[in-house]
């Protein structure tokens, strides 16, 4: 479902949008907002992972290898 909104844009932004055919402006703006939202979600997720990595205890490679072997011996891999 589409929604109609009213927004205010700067003159320089309008100068760019004015070159896009009238029938394609909504689609262009929708795609730009989708791309922006995707980048925003990815950046937020990366920040959260960085915070988790900082807070999590350090684990050696040997420890990880041991966990994988134990898991495989239990038949999970």
C-alpha atoms as a PDB file:
ATOM      1  CA  UNK A   1       0.000   0.000   0.000  1.00  0.00           C
ATOM      2  CA  UNK A   2       1.325   3.418  -0.880  1.00  0.00           C
ATOM      3  CA  UNK A   3       1.060   6.464   1.362  1.00  0.00           C
ATOM      4  CA  UNK A   4       1.120  10.081   0.337  1.00  0.00           C
ATOM      5  CA  UNK A   5       3.258  12.422   2.431  1.00  0.00           C
ATOM      6  CA  UNK A   6       4.232  16.057   2.240  1.00  0.00           C
ATOM      7  CA  UNK A   7       7.875  16.919   2.770  1.00  0.00           C
ATOM      8  CA  UNK A   8      10.004  20.005   2.414  1.00  0.00           C
ATOM      9  CA  UNK A   9      13.226  19.716   0.429  1.00  0.00           C
ATOM     10  CA  UNK A  10      16.052  22.157  -0.182  1.00  0.00           C
ATOM     11  CA  UNK A  11      16.360  24.033  -3.446  1.00  0.00           C
ATOM     12  CA  UNK A  12      19.485  22.126  -4.466  1.00  0.00           C
ATOM     13  CA  UNK A  13      17.708  18.807  -3.898  1.00  0.00           C
ATOM     14  CA  UNK A  14      14.752  20.017  -5.947  1.00  0.00           C
ATOM     15  CA  UNK A  15      17.108  21.044  -8.740  1.00  0.00           C
ATOM     16  CA  UNK A  16      18.262  17.422  -8.910  1.00  0.00           C
ATOM     17  CA  UNK A  17      14.760  15.938  -8.605  1.00  0.00           C
ATOM     18  CA  UNK A  18      13.459  18.359 -11.215  1.00  0.00           C
ATOM     19  CA  UNK A  19      15.560  16.553 -13.824  1.00  0.00           C
ATOM     20  CA  UNK A  20      13.795  13.253 -13.059  1.00  0.00           C
ATOM     21  CA  UNK A  21      10.569  12.757 -15.039  1.00  0.00           C
ATOM     22  CA  UNK A  22       7.485  13.482 -12.923  1.00  0.00           C
ATOM     23  CA  UNK A  23       6.242   9.893 -13.122  1.00  0.00           C
ATOM     24  CA  UNK A  24       9.532   8.486 -11.819  1.00  0.00           C
ATOM     25  CA  UNK A  25      10.157  10.766  -8.825  1.00  0.00           C
ATOM     26  CA  UNK A  26       8.266   8.720  -6.238  1.00  0.00           C
ATOM     27  CA  UNK A  27       9.978   5.530  -7.356  1.00  0.00           C
ATOM     28  CA  UNK A  28      13.384   7.254  -7.276  1.00  0.00           C
ATOM     29  CA  UNK A  29      12.808   8.659  -3.795  1.00  0.00           C
ATOM     30  CA  UNK A  30      11.455   5.314  -2.529  1.00  0.00           C
ATOM     31  CA  UNK A  31      14.550   3.497  -3.798  1.00  0.00           C
ATOM     32  CA  UNK A  32      16.864   6.112  -2.275  1.00  0.00           C
ATOM     33  CA  UNK A  33      15.101   5.781   1.094  1.00  0.00           C
ATOM     34  CA  UNK A  34      15.262   1.961   0.926  1.00  0.00           C
ATOM     35  CA  UNK A  35      19.000   2.147   0.228  1.00  0.00           C
ATOM     36  CA  UNK A  36      19.515   4.626   3.067  1.00  0.00           C
ATOM     37  CA  UNK A  37      17.500   2.467   5.498  1.00  0.00           C
ATOM     38  CA  UNK A  38      19.466  -0.643   4.526  1.00  0.00           C
ATOM     39  CA  UNK A  39      22.790   1.151   5.090  1.00  0.00           C
ATOM     40  CA  UNK A  40      21.491   2.462   8.404  1.00  0.00           C
ATOM     41  CA  UNK A  41      20.429  -1.018   9.603  1.00  0.00           C
ATOM     42  CA  UNK A  42      23.780  -2.485   8.549  1.00  0.00           C
ATOM     43  CA  UNK A  43      25.712   0.271  10.316  1.00  0.00           C
ATOM     44  CA  UNK A  44      23.615  -0.164  13.463  1.00  0.00           C
ATOM     45  CA  UNK A  45      24.196  -3.936  13.390  1.00  0.00           C
ATOM     46  CA  UNK A  46      27.943  -3.439  12.918  1.00  0.00           C
ATOM     47  CA  UNK A  47      28.059  -1.082  15.918  1.00  0.00           C
ATOM     48  CA  UNK A  48      26.166  -3.612  18.025  1.00  0.00           C
ATOM     49  CA  UNK A  49      28.547  -6.403  16.999  1.00  0.00           C
ATOM     50  CA  UNK A  50      31.542  -4.200  17.817  1.00  0.00           C
ATOM     51  CA  UNK A  51      30.082  -3.514  21.256  1.00  0.00           C
ATOM     52  CA  UNK A  52      29.484  -7.223  21.842  1.00  0.00           C
ATOM     53  CA  UNK A  53      32.991  -8.089  20.709  1.00  0.00           C
ATOM     54  CA  UNK A  54      34.427  -5.526  23.128  1.00  0.00           C
ATOM     55  CA  UNK A  55      32.332  -6.852  26.020  1.00  0.00           C
ATOM     56  CA  UNK A  56      32.813 -10.560  25.286  1.00  0.00           C
ATOM     57  CA  UNK A  57      35.718 -12.473  26.799  1.00  0.00           C
ATOM     58  CA  UNK A  58      38.613 -13.325  24.515  1.00  0.00           C
ATOM     59  CA  UNK A  59      38.630 -16.927  23.271  1.00  0.00           C
ATOM     60  CA  UNK A  60      41.706 -18.628  21.857  1.00  0.00           C
ATOM     61  CA  UNK A  61      41.735 -20.442  18.531  1.00  0.00           C
ATOM     62  CA  UNK A  62      42.581 -23.656  20.370  1.00  0.00           C
ATOM     63  CA  UNK A  63      39.452 -23.263  22.503  1.00  0.00           C
ATOM     64  CA  UNK A  64      37.261 -22.753  19.432  1.00  0.00           C
ATOM     65  CA  UNK A  65      38.784 -25.809  17.742  1.00  0.00           C
ATOM     66  CA  UNK A  66      38.090 -27.856  20.876  1.00  0.00           C
ATOM     67  CA  UNK A  67      34.438 -26.717  20.910  1.00  0.00           C
ATOM     68  CA  UNK A  68      34.010 -27.619  17.243  1.00  0.00           C
ATOM     69  CA  UNK A  69      35.514 -31.070  17.776  1.00  0.00           C
ATOM     70  CA  UNK A  70      33.309 -31.698  20.813  1.00  0.00           C
ATOM     71  CA  UNK A  71      30.250 -30.613  18.854  1.00  0.00           C
ATOM     72  CA  UNK A  72      31.130 -32.915  15.948  1.00  0.00           C
ATOM     73  CA  UNK A  73      31.697 -35.833  18.314  1.00  0.00           C
ATOM     74  CA  UNK A  74      28.160 -35.298  19.639  1.00  0.00           C
ATOM     75  CA  UNK A  75      26.932 -35.625  16.046  1.00  0.00           C
ATOM     76  CA  UNK A  76      26.052 -31.982  15.356  1.00  0.00           C
ATOM     77  CA  UNK A  77      28.299 -31.426  12.397  1.00  0.00           C
END
